[in-house]
PDB file of N, CA and C in Angstrom:
ATOM      1  N   MET A   1      94.645-123.890 -99.943  1.00  0.00           N
ATOM      2  CA  MET A   1      95.265-124.377-101.152  1.00  0.00           C
ATOM      3  C   MET A   1      95.916-123.175-101.859  1.00  0.00           C
ATOM      4  N   THR A   2      97.133-123.356-102.233  1.00  0.00           N
ATOM      5  CA  THR A   2      97.849-122.280-102.905  1.00  0.00           C
ATOM      6  C   THR A   2      97.529-122.286-104.400  1.00  0.00           C
ATOM      7  N   PRO A   3      97.760-121.143-105.061  1.00  0.00           N
ATOM      8  CA  PRO A   3      97.507-121.107-106.512  1.00  0.00           C
ATOM      9  C   PRO A   3      98.326-122.145-107.280  1.00  0.00           C
ATOM     10  N   ILE A   4      99.522-122.441-106.827  1.00  0.00           N
ATOM     11  CA  ILE A   4     100.344-123.455-107.506  1.00  0.00           C
ATOM     12  C   ILE A   4      99.699-124.834-107.374  1.00  0.00           C
ATOM     13  N   GLU A   5      99.196-125.149-106.184  1.00  0.00           N
ATOM     14  CA  GLU A   5      98.515-126.437-105.985  1.00  0.00           C
ATOM     15  C   GLU A   5      97.260-126.520-106.847  1.00  0.00           C
ATOM     16  N   ILE A   6      96.537-125.405-106.928  1.00  0.00           N
ATOM     17  CA  ILE A   6      95.323-125.383-107.760  1.00  0.00           C
ATOM     18  C   ILE A   6      95.682-125.617-109.225  1.00  0.00           C
ATOM     19  N   MET A   7      96.730-124.965-109.692  1.00  0.00           N
ATOM     20  CA  MET A   7      97.158-125.150-111.084  1.00  0.00           C
ATOM     21  C   MET A   7      97.585-126.599-111.345  1.00  0.00           C
ATOM     22  N   GLN A   8      98.240-127.208-110.377  1.00  0.00           N
ATOM     23  CA  GLN A   8      98.631-128.615-110.527  1.00  0.00           C
ATOM     24  C   GLN A   8      97.396-129.505-110.621  1.00  0.00           C
ATOM     25  N   LYS A   9      96.399-129.216-109.783  1.00  0.00           N
ATOM     26  CA  LYS A   9      95.177-130.024-109.809  1.00  0.00           C
ATOM     27  C   LYS A   9      94.414-129.814-111.118  1.00  0.00           C
ATOM     28  N   ILE A  10      94.445-128.606-111.627  1.00  0.00           N
ATOM     29  CA  ILE A  10      93.823-128.338-112.935  1.00  0.00           C
ATOM     30  C   ILE A  10      94.520-129.160-114.018  1.00  0.00           C
ATOM     31  N   GLY A  11      95.846-129.197-113.973  1.00  0.00           N
ATOM     32  CA  GLY A  11      96.605-130.006-114.933  1.00  0.00           C
ATOM     33  C   GLY A  11      96.264-131.478-114.842  1.00  0.00           C
ATOM     34  N   VAL A  12      96.113-131.974-113.611  1.00  0.00           N
ATOM     35  CA  VAL A  12      95.755-133.382-113.412  1.00  0.00           C
ATOM     36  C   VAL A  12      94.368-133.657-113.995  1.00  0.00           C
ATOM     37  N   CYS A  13      93.427-132.741-113.757  1.00  0.00           N
ATOM     38  CA  CYS A  13      92.071-132.919-114.297  1.00  0.00           C
ATOM     39  C   CYS A  13      92.082-132.909-115.826  1.00  0.00           C
ATOM     40  N   GLN A  14      92.872-132.016-116.407  1.00  0.00           N
ATOM     41  CA  GLN A  14      92.941-131.958-117.864  1.00  0.00           C
ATOM     42  C   GLN A  14      93.526-133.238-118.450  1.00  0.00           C
ATOM     43  N   GLN A  15      94.540-133.778-117.797  1.00  0.00           N
ATOM     44  CA  GLN A  15      95.120-135.047-118.260  1.00  0.00           C
ATOM     45  C   GLN A  15      94.110-136.177-118.133  1.00  0.00           C
ATOM     46  N   ALA A  16      93.371-136.176-117.021  1.00  0.00           N
ATOM     47  CA  ALA A  16      92.360-137.219-116.813  1.00  0.00           C
ATOM     48  C   ALA A  16      91.262-137.119-117.865  1.00  0.00           C
ATOM     49  N   LEU A  17      90.873-135.899-118.217  1.00  0.00           N
ATOM     50  CA  LEU A  17      89.862-135.727-119.267  1.00  0.00           C
ATOM     51  C   LEU A  17      90.366-136.223-120.618  1.00  0.00           C
ATOM     52  N   THR A  18      91.616-135.954-120.915  1.00  0.00           N
ATOM     53  CA  THR A  18      92.202-136.434-122.172  1.00  0.00           C
ATOM     54  C   THR A  18      92.209-137.958-122.202  1.00  0.00           C
ATOM     55  N   LYS A  19      92.634-138.551-121.104  1.00  0.00           N
ATOM     56  CA  LYS A  19      92.639-140.016-121.010  1.00  0.00           C
ATOM     57  C   LYS A  19      91.207-140.556-121.082  1.00  0.00           C
ATOM     58  N   GLY A  20      90.276-139.833-120.448  1.00  0.00           N
ATOM     59  CA  GLY A  20      88.872-140.237-120.469  1.00  0.00           C
ATOM     60  C   GLY A  20      88.286-140.229-121.868  1.00  0.00           C
ATOM     61  N   ASN A  21      88.688-139.263-122.681  1.00  0.00           N
ATOM     62  CA  ASN A  21      88.210-139.220-124.074  1.00  0.00           C
ATOM     63  C   ASN A  21      88.636-140.462-124.833  1.00  0.00           C
ATOM     64  N   THR A  22      89.882-140.856-124.637  1.00  0.00           N
ATOM     65  CA  THR A  22      90.393-142.060-125.298  1.00  0.00           C
ATOM     66  C   THR A  22      89.629-143.296-124.804  1.00  0.00           C
ATOM     67  N   GLU A  23      89.428-143.354-123.492  1.00  0.00           N
ATOM     68  CA  GLU A  23      88.704-144.484-122.899  1.00  0.00           C
ATOM     69  C   GLU A  23      87.259-144.514-123.389  1.00  0.00           C
ATOM     70  N   LEU A  24      86.645-143.335-123.498  1.00  0.00           N
ATOM     71  CA  LEU A  24      85.264-143.257-123.965  1.00  0.00           C
ATOM     72  C   LEU A  24      85.129-143.786-125.393  1.00  0.00           C
ATOM     73  N   LYS A  25      86.090-143.463-126.222  1.00  0.00           N
ATOM     74  CA  LYS A  25      86.057-143.977-127.604  1.00  0.00           C
ATOM     75  C   LYS A  25      86.164-145.498-127.606  1.00  0.00           C
ATOM     76  N   THR A  26      87.078-146.030-126.803  1.00  0.00           N
ATOM     77  CA  THR A  26      87.248-147.483-126.710  1.00  0.00           C
ATOM     78  C   THR A  26      85.970-148.148-126.225  1.00  0.00           C
ATOM     79  N   LEU A  27      85.368-147.575-125.172  1.00  0.00           N
ATOM     80  CA  LEU A  27      84.132-148.142-124.631  1.00  0.00           C
ATOM     81  C   LEU A  27      82.975-148.005-125.620  1.00  0.00           C
ATOM     82  N   GLY A  28      82.969-146.924-126.386  1.00  0.00           N
ATOM     83  CA  GLY A  28      81.931-146.752-127.406  1.00  0.00           C
ATOM     84  C   GLY A  28      82.014-147.817-128.484  1.00  0.00           C
ATOM     85  N   VAL A  29      83.221-148.143-128.889  1.00  0.00           N
ATOM     86  CA  VAL A  29      83.424-149.195-129.896  1.00  0.00           C
ATOM     87  C   VAL A  29      82.991-150.547-129.325  1.00  0.00           C
ATOM     88  N   LYS A  30      83.375-150.819-128.072  1.00  0.00           N
ATOM     89  CA  LYS A  30      82.974-152.083-127.439  1.00  0.00           C
ATOM     90  C   LYS A  30      81.461-152.174-127.316  1.00  0.00           C
ATOM     91  N   LYS A  31      80.830-151.055-126.968  1.00  0.00           N
ATOM     92  CA  LYS A  31      79.370-151.020-126.841  1.00  0.00           C
ATOM     93  C   LYS A  31      78.710-151.318-128.185  1.00  0.00           C
ATOM     94  N   ALA A  32      79.199-150.679-129.225  1.00  0.00           N
ATOM     95  CA  ALA A  32      78.634-150.899-130.560  1.00  0.00           C
ATOM     96  C   ALA A  32      78.847-152.339-131.019  1.00  0.00           C
ATOM     97  N   ARG A  33      80.031-152.899-130.747  1.00  0.00           N
ATOM     98  CA  ARG A  33      80.332-154.277-131.139  1.00  0.00           C
ATOM     99  C   ARG A  33      79.416-155.259-130.395  1.00  0.00           C
ATOM    100  N   ALA A  34      79.211-155.005-129.098  1.00  0.00           N
ATOM    101  CA  ALA A  34      78.348-155.890-128.306  1.00  0.00           C
ATOM    102  C   ALA A  34      76.907-155.830-128.814  1.00  0.00           C
ATOM    103  N   GLU A  35      76.434-154.636-129.141  1.00  0.00           N
ATOM    104  CA  GLU A  35      75.078-154.476-129.692  1.00  0.00           C
ATOM    105  C   GLU A  35      74.970-155.209-131.033  1.00  0.00           C
ATOM    106  N   HIS A  36      75.964-155.069-131.857  1.00  0.00           N
ATOM    107  CA  HIS A  36      76.017-155.722-133.169  1.00  0.00           C
ATOM    108  C   HIS A  36      75.945-157.243-133.023  1.00  0.00           C
ATOM    109  N   ASP A  37      76.805-157.784-132.170  1.00  0.00           N
ATOM    110  CA  ASP A  37      76.856-159.237-131.980  1.00  0.00           C
ATOM    111  C   ASP A  37      75.533-159.772-131.444  1.00  0.00           C
ATOM    112  N   TYR A  38      74.949-159.062-130.482  1.00  0.00           N
ATOM    113  CA  TYR A  38      73.675-159.487-129.886  1.00  0.00           C
ATOM    114  C   TYR A  38      72.560-159.494-130.930  1.00  0.00           C
ATOM    115  N   LYS A  39      72.445-158.422-131.687  1.00  0.00           N
ATOM    116  CA  LYS A  39      71.342-158.331-132.646  1.00  0.00           C
ATOM    117  C   LYS A  39      71.464-159.362-133.764  1.00  0.00           C
ATOM    118  N   ILE A  40      72.676-159.610-134.196  1.00  0.00           N
ATOM    119  CA  ILE A  40      72.857-160.614-135.253  1.00  0.00           C
ATOM    120  C   ILE A  40      72.520-162.011-134.724  1.00  0.00           C
ATOM    121  N   ALA A  41      73.008-162.346-133.541  1.00  0.00           N
ATOM    122  CA  ALA A  41      72.716-163.666-132.973  1.00  0.00           C
ATOM    123  C   ALA A  41      71.219-163.822-132.705  1.00  0.00           C
ATOM    124  N   LEU A  42      70.585-162.771-132.222  1.00  0.00           N
ATOM    125  CA  LEU A  42      69.145-162.831-131.955  1.00  0.00           C
ATOM    126  C   LEU A  42      68.371-163.027-133.261  1.00  0.00           C
ATOM    127  N   ARG A  43      68.743-162.301-134.290  1.00  0.00           N
ATOM    128  CA  ARG A  43      68.071-162.442-135.584  1.00  0.00           C
ATOM    129  C   ARG A  43      68.211-163.862-136.133  1.00  0.00           C
ATOM    130  N   LYS A  44      69.416-164.412-136.018  1.00  0.00           N
ATOM    131  CA  LYS A  44      69.641-165.777-136.514  1.00  0.00           C
ATOM    132  C   LYS A  44      68.803-166.783-135.744  1.00  0.00           C
ATOM    133  N   GLU A  45      68.729-166.602-134.421  1.00  0.00           N
ATOM    134  CA  GLU A  45      67.948-167.537-133.601  1.00  0.00           C
ATOM    135  C   GLU A  45      66.460-167.411-133.898  1.00  0.00           C
ATOM    136  N   ILE A  46      65.982-166.202-134.074  1.00  0.00           N
ATOM    137  CA  ILE A  46      64.563-166.013-134.417  1.00  0.00           C
ATOM    138  C   ILE A  46      64.255-166.663-135.754  1.00  0.00           C
ATOM    139  N   LEU A  47      65.128-166.476-136.709  1.00  0.00           N
ATOM    140  CA  LEU A  47      64.936-167.088-138.022  1.00  0.00           C
ATOM    141  C   LEU A  47      64.949-168.615-137.927  1.00  0.00           C
ATOM    142  N   ARG A  48      65.870-169.151-137.122  1.00  0.00           N
ATOM    143  CA  ARG A  48      65.950-170.609-136.947  1.00  0.00           C
ATOM    144  C   ARG A  48      64.674-171.141-136.299  1.00  0.00           C
ATOM    145  N   LEU A  49      64.205-170.464-135.268  1.00  0.00           N
ATOM    146  CA  LEU A  49      62.992-170.920-134.585  1.00  0.00           C
ATOM    147  C   LEU A  49      61.771-170.837-135.500  1.00  0.00           C
ATOM    148  N   ARG A  50      61.732-169.819-136.320  1.00  0.00           N
ATOM    149  CA  ARG A  50      60.582-169.610-137.203  1.00  0.00           C
ATOM    150  C   ARG A  50      60.570-170.629-138.342  1.00  0.00           C
ATOM    151  N   GLN A  51      61.732-170.855-138.959  1.00  0.00           N
ATOM    152  CA  GLN A  51      61.760-171.695-140.155  1.00  0.00           C
ATOM    153  C   GLN A  51      61.968-173.174-139.849  1.00  0.00           C
ATOM    154  N   LEU A  52      62.906-173.478-138.977  1.00  0.00           N
ATOM    155  CA  LEU A  52      63.240-174.888-138.761  1.00  0.00           C
ATOM    156  C   LEU A  52      62.348-175.554-137.710  1.00  0.00           C
ATOM    157  N   GLU A  53      62.065-174.858-136.635  1.00  0.00           N
ATOM    158  CA  GLU A  53      61.306-175.482-135.552  1.00  0.00           C
ATOM    159  C   GLU A  53      59.820-175.166-135.609  1.00  0.00           C
ATOM    160  N   LYS A  54      59.434-174.262-136.497  1.00  0.00           N
ATOM    161  CA  LYS A  54      58.018-173.906-136.686  1.00  0.00           C
ATOM    162  C   LYS A  54      57.334-173.554-135.363  1.00  0.00           C
ATOM    163  N   GLN A  55      58.027-172.764-134.563  1.00  0.00           N
ATOM    164  CA  GLN A  55      57.475-172.333-133.280  1.00  0.00           C
ATOM    165  C   GLN A  55      56.388-171.284-133.508  1.00  0.00           C
ATOM    166  N   PRO A  56      55.414-171.212-132.578  1.00  0.00           N
ATOM    167  CA  PRO A  56      54.378-170.178-132.699  1.00  0.00           C
ATOM    168  C   PRO A  56      55.011-168.784-132.633  1.00  0.00           C
ATOM    169  N   ALA A  57      54.488-167.866-133.427  1.00  0.00           N
ATOM    170  CA  ALA A  57      55.057-166.515-133.528  1.00  0.00           C
ATOM    171  C   ALA A  57      55.071-165.800-132.184  1.00  0.00           C
ATOM    172  N   THR A  58      54.096-166.092-131.338  1.00  0.00           N
ATOM    173  CA  THR A  58      54.028-165.406-130.045  1.00  0.00           C
ATOM    174  C   THR A  58      55.132-165.836-129.089  1.00  0.00           C
ATOM    175  N   LEU A  59      55.710-167.002-129.302  1.00  0.00           N
ATOM    176  CA  LEU A  59      56.749-167.511-128.408  1.00  0.00           C
ATOM    177  C   LEU A  59      58.169-167.273-128.910  1.00  0.00           C
ATOM    178  N   ILE A  60      58.320-166.939-130.168  1.00  0.00           N
ATOM    179  CA  ILE A  60      59.651-166.889-130.778  1.00  0.00           C
ATOM    180  C   ILE A  60      60.587-165.926-130.067  1.00  0.00           C
ATOM    181  N   ASN A  61      60.137-164.696-129.792  1.00  0.00           N
ATOM    182  CA  ASN A  61      61.015-163.734-129.134  1.00  0.00           C
ATOM    183  C   ASN A  61      61.473-164.208-127.761  1.00  0.00           C
ATOM    184  N   ASP A  62      60.519-164.741-126.974  1.00  0.00           N
ATOM    185  CA  ASP A  62      60.874-165.223-125.636  1.00  0.00           C
ATOM    186  C   ASP A  62      61.835-166.407-125.699  1.00  0.00           C
ATOM    187  N   LEU A  63      61.585-167.315-126.626  1.00  0.00           N
ATOM    188  CA  LEU A  63      62.465-168.473-126.771  1.00  0.00           C
ATOM    189  C   LEU A  63      63.862-168.048-127.218  1.00  0.00           C
ATOM    190  N   ALA A  64      63.907-167.141-128.153  1.00  0.00           N
ATOM    191  CA  ALA A  64      65.210-166.695-128.682  1.00  0.00           C
ATOM    192  C   ALA A  64      66.002-165.967-127.602  1.00  0.00           C
ATOM    193  N   LYS A  65      65.352-165.064-126.880  1.00  0.00           N
ATOM    194  CA  LYS A  65      66.054-164.295-125.845  1.00  0.00           C
ATOM    195  C   LYS A  65      66.417-165.152-124.639  1.00  0.00           C
ATOM    196  N   GLY A  66      65.713-166.254-124.469  1.00  0.00           N
ATOM    197  CA  GLY A  66      65.994-167.142-123.350  1.00  0.00           C
ATOM    198  C   GLY A  66      67.115-168.134-123.611  1.00  0.00           C
ATOM    199  N   LYS A  67      67.538-168.243-124.837  1.00  0.00           N
ATOM    200  CA  LYS A  67      68.642-169.150-125.159  1.00  0.00           C
ATOM    201  C   LYS A  67      69.904-168.630-124.477  1.00  0.00           C
ATOM    202  N   GLU A  68      70.692-169.542-123.910  1.00  0.00           N
ATOM    203  CA  GLU A  68      71.855-169.162-123.093  1.00  0.00           C
ATOM    204  C   GLU A  68      72.849-168.266-123.843  1.00  0.00           C
ATOM    205  N   GLU A  69      73.152-168.625-125.070  1.00  0.00           N
ATOM    206  CA  GLU A  69      74.120-167.842-125.850  1.00  0.00           C
ATOM    207  C   GLU A  69      73.610-166.414-126.086  1.00  0.00           C
ATOM    208  N   ILE A  70      72.327-166.298-126.424  1.00  0.00           N
ATOM    209  CA  ILE A  70      71.730-164.988-126.688  1.00  0.00           C
ATOM    210  C   ILE A  70      71.669-164.171-125.400  1.00  0.00           C
ATOM    211  N   ALA A  71      71.305-164.819-124.305  1.00  0.00           N
ATOM    212  CA  ALA A  71      71.232-164.119-123.026  1.00  0.00           C
ATOM    213  C   ALA A  71      72.608-163.596-122.601  1.00  0.00           C
ATOM    214  N   LYS A  72      73.640-164.377-122.869  1.00  0.00           N
ATOM    215  CA  LYS A  72      75.000-163.940-122.527  1.00  0.00           C
ATOM    216  C   LYS A  72      75.418-162.742-123.376  1.00  0.00           C
ATOM    217  N   LEU A  73      75.076-162.776-124.660  1.00  0.00           N
ATOM    218  CA  LEU A  73      75.373-161.642-125.533  1.00  0.00           C
ATOM    219  C   LEU A  73      74.612-160.387-125.087  1.00  0.00           C
ATOM    220  N   ARG A  74      73.381-160.582-124.637  1.00  0.00           N
ATOM    221  CA  ARG A  74      72.600-159.446-124.136  1.00  0.00           C
ATOM    222  C   ARG A  74      73.239-158.890-122.870  1.00  0.00           C
ATOM    223  N   LEU A  75      73.698-159.775-121.992  1.00  0.00           N
ATOM    224  CA  LEU A  75      74.389-159.346-120.777  1.00  0.00           C
ATOM    225  C   LEU A  75      75.643-158.550-121.125  1.00  0.00           C
ATOM    226  N   ASN A  76      76.419-159.041-122.071  1.00  0.00           N
ATOM    227  CA  ASN A  76      77.628-158.321-122.506  1.00  0.00           C
ATOM    228  C   ASN A  76      77.274-156.954-123.074  1.00  0.00           C
ATOM    229  N   ARG A  77      76.187-156.896-123.822  1.00  0.00           N
ATOM    230  CA  ARG A  77      75.735-155.618-124.369  1.00  0.00           C
ATOM    231  C   ARG A  77      75.364-154.651-123.253  1.00  0.00           C
ATOM    232  N   ASP A  78      74.623-155.130-122.267  1.00  0.00           N
ATOM    233  CA  ASP A  78      74.209-154.280-121.149  1.00  0.00           C
ATOM    234  C   ASP A  78      75.405-153.811-120.325  1.00  0.00           C
ATOM    235  N   ILE A  79      76.370-154.693-120.121  1.00  0.00           N
ATOM    236  CA  ILE A  79      77.585-154.317-119.377  1.00  0.00           C
ATOM    237  C   ILE A  79      78.364-153.253-120.144  1.00  0.00           C
ATOM    238  N   ALA A  80      78.489-153.430-121.454  1.00  0.00           N
ATOM    239  CA  ALA A  80      79.204-152.444-122.276  1.00  0.00           C
ATOM    240  C   ALA A  80      78.493-151.093-122.230  1.00  0.00           C
ATOM    241  N   GLU A  81      77.187-151.109-122.258  1.00  0.00           N
ATOM    242  CA  GLU A  81      76.410-149.866-122.191  1.00  0.00           C
ATOM    243  C   GLU A  81      76.593-149.185-120.837  1.00  0.00           C
ATOM    244  N   THR A  82      76.611-149.969-119.769  1.00  0.00           N
ATOM    245  CA  THR A  82      76.822-149.421-118.429  1.00  0.00           C
ATOM    246  C   THR A  82      78.216-148.830-118.299  1.00  0.00           C
ATOM    247  N   ASN A  83      79.224-149.525-118.791  1.00  0.00           N
ATOM    248  CA  ASN A  83      80.593-149.001-118.741  1.00  0.00           C
ATOM    249  C   ASN A  83      80.707-147.683-119.493  1.00  0.00           C
ATOM    250  N   TYR A  84      80.051-147.587-120.622  1.00  0.00           N
ATOM    251  CA  TYR A  84      80.061-146.365-121.420  1.00  0.00           C
ATOM    252  C   TYR A  84      79.418-145.220-120.639  1.00  0.00           C
ATOM    253  N   SER A  85      78.276-145.494-120.036  1.00  0.00           N
ATOM    254  CA  SER A  85      77.567-144.473-119.255  1.00  0.00           C
ATOM    255  C   SER A  85      78.381-144.026-118.042  1.00  0.00           C
ATOM    256  N   VAL A  86      79.032-144.973-117.380  1.00  0.00           N
ATOM    257  CA  VAL A  86      79.858-144.645-116.217  1.00  0.00           C
ATOM    258  C   VAL A  86      81.020-143.752-116.630  1.00  0.00           C
ATOM    259  N   CYS A  87      81.608-144.033-117.762  1.00  0.00           N
ATOM    260  CA  CYS A  87      82.721-143.211-118.258  1.00  0.00           C
ATOM    261  C   CYS A  87      82.252-141.790-118.556  1.00  0.00           C
ATOM    262  N   ILE A  88      81.085-141.648-119.146  1.00  0.00           N
ATOM    263  CA  ILE A  88      80.540-140.311-119.427  1.00  0.00           C
ATOM    264  C   ILE A  88      80.326-139.551-118.127  1.00  0.00           C
ATOM    265  N   GLU A  89      79.768-140.222-117.119  1.00  0.00           N
ATOM    266  CA  GLU A  89      79.529-139.566-115.828  1.00  0.00           C
ATOM    267  C   GLU A  89      80.837-139.197-115.141  1.00  0.00           C
ATOM    268  N   ALA A  90      81.841-140.046-115.254  1.00  0.00           N
ATOM    269  CA  ALA A  90      83.143-139.742-114.659  1.00  0.00           C
ATOM    270  C   ALA A  90      83.747-138.501-115.315  1.00  0.00           C
ATOM    271  N   MET A  91      83.571-138.389-116.616  1.00  0.00           N
ATOM    272  CA  MET A  91      84.088-137.208-117.313  1.00  0.00           C
ATOM    273  C   MET A  91      83.316-135.957-116.915  1.00  0.00           C
ATOM    274  N   ARG A  92      82.023-136.083-116.693  1.00  0.00           N
ATOM    275  CA  ARG A  92      81.239-134.943-116.208  1.00  0.00           C
ATOM    276  C   ARG A  92      81.734-134.497-114.841  1.00  0.00           C
ATOM    277  N   ASN A  93      82.012-135.469-113.992  1.00  0.00           N
ATOM    278  CA  ASN A  93      82.534-135.150-112.656  1.00  0.00           C
ATOM    279  C   ASN A  93      83.878-134.443-112.749  1.00  0.00           C
ATOM    280  N   LEU A  94      84.727-134.903-113.658  1.00  0.00           N
ATOM    281  CA  LEU A  94      86.022-134.244-113.843  1.00  0.00           C
ATOM    282  C   LEU A  94      85.851-132.806-114.329  1.00  0.00           C
ATOM    283  N   ARG A  95      84.896-132.586-115.221  1.00  0.00           N
ATOM    284  CA  ARG A  95      84.649-131.225-115.697  1.00  0.00           C
ATOM    285  C   ARG A  95      84.177-130.324-114.553  1.00  0.00           C
ATOM    286  N   LEU A  96      83.300-130.860-113.698  1.00  0.00           N
ATOM    287  CA  LEU A  96      82.835-130.091-112.543  1.00  0.00           C
ATOM    288  C   LEU A  96      83.990-129.780-111.594  1.00  0.00           C
ATOM    289  N   GLU A  97      84.845-130.762-111.372  1.00  0.00           N
ATOM    290  CA  GLU A  97      86.010-130.562-110.525  1.00  0.00           C
ATOM    291  C   GLU A  97      86.926-129.496-111.114  1.00  0.00           C
ATOM    292  N   LEU A  98      87.117-129.547-112.408  1.00  0.00           N
ATOM    293  CA  LEU A  98      87.948-128.566-113.098  1.00  0.00           C
ATOM    294  C   LEU A  98      87.369-127.158-112.942  1.00  0.00           C
ATOM    295  N   GLU A  99      86.077-127.031-113.095  1.00  0.00           N
ATOM    296  CA  GLU A  99      85.431-125.731-112.919  1.00  0.00           C
ATOM    297  C   GLU A  99      85.569-125.224-111.484  1.00  0.00           C
ATOM    298  N   ALA A 100      85.482-126.139-110.520  1.00  0.00           N
ATOM    299  CA  ALA A 100      85.657-125.743-109.122  1.00  0.00           C
ATOM    300  C   ALA A 100      87.072-125.215-108.883  1.00  0.00           C
ATOM    301  N   TYR A 101      88.056-125.893-109.438  1.00  0.00           N
ATOM    302  CA  TYR A 101      89.440-125.421-109.286  1.00  0.00           C
ATOM    303  C   TYR A 101      89.642-124.064-109.964  1.00  0.00           C
ATOM    304  N   ARG A 102      89.025-123.899-111.103  1.00  0.00           N
ATOM    305  CA  ARG A 102      89.129-122.598-111.780  1.00  0.00           C
ATOM    306  C   ARG A 102      88.490-121.503-110.932  1.00  0.00           C
ATOM    307  N   SER A 103      87.372-121.826-110.297  1.00  0.00           N
ATOM    308  CA  SER A 103      86.721-120.852-109.417  1.00  0.00           C
ATOM    309  C   SER A 103      87.611-120.524-108.227  1.00  0.00           C
ATOM    310  N   PHE A 104      88.243-121.543-107.644  1.00  0.00           N
ATOM    311  CA  PHE A 104      89.180-121.296-106.539  1.00  0.00           C
ATOM    312  C   PHE A 104      90.305-120.371-106.988  1.00  0.00           C
ATOM    313  N   LEU A 105      90.808-120.630-108.180  1.00  0.00           N
ATOM    314  CA  LEU A 105      91.914-119.832-108.703  1.00  0.00           C
ATOM    315  C   LEU A 105      91.473-118.373-108.910  1.00  0.00           C
ATOM    316  N   THR A 106      90.291-118.190-109.451  1.00  0.00           N
ATOM    317  CA  THR A 106      89.756-116.838-109.644  1.00  0.00           C
ATOM    318  C   THR A 106      89.570-116.146-108.299  1.00  0.00           C
ATOM    319  N   TRP A 107      89.035-116.864-107.335  1.00  0.00           N
ATOM    320  CA  TRP A 107      88.845-116.314-105.993  1.00  0.00           C
ATOM    321  C   TRP A 107      90.184-115.913-105.383  1.00  0.00           C
ATOM    322  N   GLU A 108      91.196-116.750-105.527  1.00  0.00           N
ATOM    323  CA  GLU A 108      92.532-116.442-105.012  1.00  0.00           C
ATOM    324  C   GLU A 108      93.081-115.184-105.685  1.00  0.00           C
ATOM    325  N   ARG A 109      92.873-115.048-106.980  1.00  0.00           N
ATOM    326  CA  ARG A 109      93.352-113.887-107.718  1.00  0.00           C
ATOM    327  C   ARG A 109      92.683-112.614-107.196  1.00  0.00           C
ATOM    328  N   VAL A 110      91.360-112.670-106.966  1.00  0.00           N
ATOM    329  CA  VAL A 110      90.634-111.514-106.438  1.00  0.00           C
ATOM    330  C   VAL A 110      91.127-111.172-105.038  1.00  0.00           C
ATOM    331  N   GLU A 111      91.317-112.190-104.217  1.00  0.00           N
ATOM    332  CA  GLU A 111      91.809-111.970-102.846  1.00  0.00           C
ATOM    333  C   GLU A 111      93.192-111.341-102.862  1.00  0.00           C
ATOM    334  N   LEU A 112      94.027-111.756-103.785  1.00  0.00           N
ATOM    335  CA  LEU A 112      95.384-111.211-103.890  1.00  0.00           C
ATOM    336  C   LEU A 112      95.342-109.736-104.288  1.00  0.00           C
ATOM    337  N   LYS A 113      94.434-109.376-105.196  1.00  0.00           N
ATOM    338  CA  LYS A 113      94.304-107.983-105.624  1.00  0.00           C
ATOM    339  C   LYS A 113      93.763-107.104-104.502  1.00  0.00           C
ATOM    340  N   ASN A 114      92.913-107.671-103.647  1.00  0.00           N
ATOM    341  CA  ASN A 114      92.300-106.903-102.570  1.00  0.00           C
ATOM    342  C   ASN A 114      93.230-106.688-101.379  1.00  0.00           C
ATOM    343  N   THR A 115      94.346-107.368-101.323  1.00  0.00           N
ATOM    344  CA  THR A 115      95.251-107.200-100.185  1.00  0.00           C
ATOM    345  C   THR A 115      96.329-106.195-100.440  1.00  0.00           C
TER     346      THR A 115
END
C-alpha cells in the first residue's frame, strides 16, 4: 500500500466517523424515545390494573408486561438499544482501523528515511 492510498483510506475513515457521530446522535434520540414510550405505557397499564381491575399486586407487573402493546414497545426499546450499541462498536472499529492506517503511514515514513 502506498502512502497516498493510506492517506485516502484515512480520509475515508474520518468521513465515516463523522457520519457515525451523526448516526449515533439519531440512534440515541430514538433509544431515549423508545424507553420513554415504553415506561409511560407500562406505568399507565400498571395503574389501570391496580385501580380498575383490582388485580393482586404480585401479578400486576407480569400482566402489564405481557400485554401485547406493552410487549411491542419493550421490543422497540430493545431494538433501539441494540442499534445504538452496534453503532458505538462500529465507530470503535473505525477508530482502530484509523490507528492501523496511521501506523502503516508511520512505518512507511521510517522505511523511506532508512533507504
